[in-house]
Protein backbone atom coordinates (compact mmCIF):
# COMPACT_ATOMS: atom_id res chain seq x y z
CA MET A 1 120.25 31.80 67.77
CA ALA A 2 117.88 30.41 70.41
CA TYR A 3 117.10 26.73 70.62
CA THR A 4 113.72 25.48 71.70
CA VAL A 5 113.89 22.38 73.87
CA ARG A 6 110.73 20.32 73.74
CA ARG A 7 109.69 18.82 77.02
CA PRO A 8 107.95 15.46 77.12
CA ASN A 9 104.24 15.47 77.83
CA LEU A 10 103.56 13.94 81.25
CA THR A 11 100.78 11.48 81.79
CA PHE A 12 98.11 12.06 84.42
CA TRP A 13 99.87 9.80 86.98
CA GLU A 14 103.23 11.43 86.36
CA LYS A 15 101.70 14.84 87.00
CA LEU A 16 100.46 13.62 90.41
CA TYR A 17 103.93 12.25 91.31
CA ILE A 18 102.24 9.29 93.02
CA PRO A 19 104.52 6.63 91.45
CA ASN A 20 107.62 8.54 92.60
CA ILE A 21 106.26 8.98 96.13
CA ILE A 22 105.42 5.27 96.36
CA ALA A 23 108.88 4.33 95.03
CA GLY A 24 110.52 6.50 97.71
CA LEU A 25 108.38 4.97 100.45
CA LEU A 26 109.27 1.46 99.26
CA ILE A 27 113.00 2.28 99.53
CA THR A 28 112.45 3.60 103.06
CA LEU A 29 110.50 0.47 104.05
CA LYS A 30 113.24 -1.74 102.57
CA HIS A 31 115.89 0.01 104.73
CA LEU A 32 113.63 -0.24 107.81
CA LYS A 33 113.16 -3.98 107.24
CA LYS A 34 116.94 -4.50 106.90
CA MET A 35 117.58 -2.58 110.11
CA LEU A 36 114.92 -4.50 112.08
CA ASN A 37 116.30 -7.84 110.83
CA GLY A 38 119.80 -6.84 111.97
CA GLU A 39 121.31 -6.80 108.47
CA THR A 40 122.44 -3.20 108.99
CA LYS A 41 123.20 -1.44 112.22
CA VAL A 42 123.39 2.11 113.50
CA ILE A 43 127.04 3.09 113.53
CA MET A 44 127.11 5.62 116.34
CA GLN A 45 124.72 7.23 118.81
CA TYR A 46 125.96 10.81 118.46
CA PRO A 47 125.32 12.68 121.69
CA GLU A 48 126.50 9.77 123.83
CA GLU A 49 129.33 8.62 121.57
CA LYS A 50 131.74 11.02 119.90
CA TRP A 51 134.15 10.73 116.99
CA ASP A 52 137.11 12.18 118.90
CA SER A 53 139.23 9.03 118.69
CA GLN A 54 138.50 8.61 114.98
CA LEU A 55 139.38 12.13 113.85
CA PRO A 56 142.35 12.28 111.47
CA GLU A 57 145.51 14.11 112.49
CA TYR A 58 144.94 16.80 109.86
CA TYR A 59 141.39 17.61 111.04
CA ARG A 60 140.75 21.36 111.30
CA GLY A 61 138.32 22.35 114.00
CA ALA A 62 137.56 25.58 115.80
CA PRO A 63 140.32 28.15 116.37
CA THR A 64 141.34 28.94 119.93
CA LEU A 65 144.08 30.78 121.81
CA VAL A 66 146.66 29.02 123.98
CA LYS A 67 148.94 30.09 126.81
CA ASP A 68 152.50 28.99 127.53
CA ASP A 69 153.80 26.84 130.40
CA HIS A 70 153.89 29.82 132.79
CA ASP A 71 150.26 30.87 132.09
CA ARG A 72 151.29 33.84 129.93
CA GLU A 73 149.59 34.92 126.72
CA ARG A 74 151.42 33.83 123.59
CA CYS A 75 149.62 36.35 121.38
CA VAL A 76 151.58 39.53 120.63
CA SER A 77 148.64 41.18 118.86
CA CYS A 78 150.43 41.30 115.49
CA GLN A 79 147.01 41.02 113.81
CA LEU A 80 148.27 38.73 111.05
CA CYS A 81 145.45 36.27 111.74
CA GLU A 82 142.92 39.09 111.49
CA PHE A 83 144.31 40.28 108.16
CA ILE A 84 144.52 36.83 106.58
CA CYS A 85 141.08 35.60 107.71
CA PRO A 86 138.98 35.31 104.49
CA PRO A 87 135.53 35.82 106.09
CA ARG A 88 136.85 38.46 108.57
CA ALA A 89 135.79 36.36 111.57
CA ILE A 90 138.68 37.55 113.79
CA THR A 91 138.75 40.96 115.44
CA ILE A 92 141.73 42.08 117.54
CA THR A 93 142.04 45.25 119.58
CA PRO A 94 145.73 45.69 120.43
CA GLY A 95 146.73 46.79 123.89
CA GLU A 96 150.08 47.64 125.43
CA LEU A 97 152.04 46.08 128.24
CA THR A 98 152.92 48.28 131.17
CA SER A 99 156.45 49.68 131.20
CA GLU A 100 157.23 48.10 134.59
CA SER A 101 156.42 44.66 133.20
CA LYS A 102 159.24 42.15 133.12
CA PHE A 103 158.36 41.50 129.47
CA ALA A 104 158.09 45.12 128.35
CA LYS A 105 160.17 44.33 125.27
CA VAL A 106 157.00 43.00 123.69
CA GLU A 107 155.26 45.96 122.15
CA LYS A 108 151.67 44.78 122.32
CA ALA A 109 149.33 42.30 123.89
CA PRO A 110 145.72 41.76 122.83
CA LYS A 111 143.33 43.94 124.77
CA GLU A 112 140.38 42.27 123.04
CA PHE A 113 140.38 39.17 120.83
CA LEU A 114 137.11 38.04 119.26
CA ILE A 115 136.37 35.15 116.90
CA ASP A 116 132.89 34.93 115.39
CA MET A 117 132.33 31.19 115.02
CA THR A 118 129.30 31.74 112.78
CA ARG A 119 131.59 33.37 110.20
CA CYS A 120 134.65 31.12 110.63
CA ILE A 121 135.20 28.69 107.75
CA TYR A 122 137.84 26.61 109.62
CA CYS A 123 140.42 27.10 106.89
CA GLY A 124 143.43 27.09 109.24
CA LEU A 125 145.10 30.17 107.77
CA CYS A 126 145.12 31.88 111.17
CA GLU A 127 147.07 28.98 112.68
CA GLU A 128 149.57 28.90 109.81
CA VAL A 129 150.30 32.64 109.84
CA CYS A 130 150.73 33.05 113.62
CA PRO A 131 154.44 33.73 114.34
CA GLU A 132 154.11 32.98 118.06
CA GLN A 133 152.06 29.75 117.85
CA ALA A 134 149.30 31.46 119.82
CA ILE A 135 146.29 30.28 117.84
CA TYR A 136 145.49 26.63 117.22
CA LEU A 137 142.66 24.70 115.64
CA ARG A 138 141.31 22.29 118.20
CA LYS A 139 139.69 19.03 117.28
CA ASP A 140 136.14 20.08 118.12
CA TYR A 141 133.21 19.76 115.75
CA ALA A 142 130.33 20.49 118.14
CA ILE A 143 130.30 24.27 118.48
CA THR A 144 126.86 25.36 119.57
CA GLY A 145 125.06 28.33 120.99
CA GLU A 146 121.49 29.42 121.55
CA ASN A 147 121.98 32.74 119.77
CA ARG A 148 124.54 34.58 117.66
CA ALA A 149 125.99 36.44 120.63
CA GLU A 150 127.04 33.14 122.23
CA MET A 151 128.88 32.18 119.04
CA VAL A 152 131.27 35.14 119.32
CA HIS A 153 134.10 33.85 121.50
CA ASP A 154 136.03 36.47 123.43
CA LYS A 155 139.59 36.24 124.76
CA VAL A 156 138.55 34.65 128.06
CA LYS A 157 136.49 31.93 126.35
CA LEU A 158 139.23 31.27 123.77
CA TYR A 159 141.88 30.79 126.48
CA GLU A 160 139.49 28.59 128.47
CA LEU A 161 138.96 26.34 125.44
CA GLY A 162 142.60 26.41 124.32
CA GLY A 163 144.42 25.69 127.52
CA VAL A 164 148.23 25.44 127.66
CA MET A 165 150.55 24.60 124.77
CA HIS A 166 154.05 23.43 125.67
CA GLY A 167 157.17 24.40 123.78
CA LEU A 168 159.33 27.41 122.97
CA VAL A 169 157.53 30.68 122.48
CA HIS A 170 159.46 33.29 120.52
CA LYS A 171 157.91 36.14 122.50
CA TRP A 172 159.52 35.01 125.80
CA ASN A 173 162.86 34.03 124.29
CA PRO A 174 165.57 36.28 125.90
CA ASP A 175 167.83 35.86 122.84
CA LYS A 176 165.27 37.44 120.55
């Protein structure tokens, strides 16, 4: 059974919304007066000042790739991060290491690694699932680009942003 909800009849002034517009302007003028009198202050001037020192330890920023102490790729192209990514922002094309390589025991290395930052939801699943600690979420909140193509970070850009991560890497462990 359908219910009919009666709406109140608006007066002429309510139909023009003038009282609501004036009330909003008065609130804005009240805040402007407080700011000019010094009762409130602007907390931070964003482009010049950044929140880097105030970010919590658990902050999840943009994903990036890291190398080990000897400037070698940590990624073994297992594609777990690609499979677990909910918005499918990660694309990996596996490549192979040459047989004369000192580290030929590793089956694959990424030939191409792309992360579309416009699709990434910064959930951190890629970092959690990586068995080689190759992908990390950096503490960066200002990811910009002039077009969509600039927002797709390739392997070179990801390593440039990620840098070097110290510690044991399973891929280079001779006991593995």
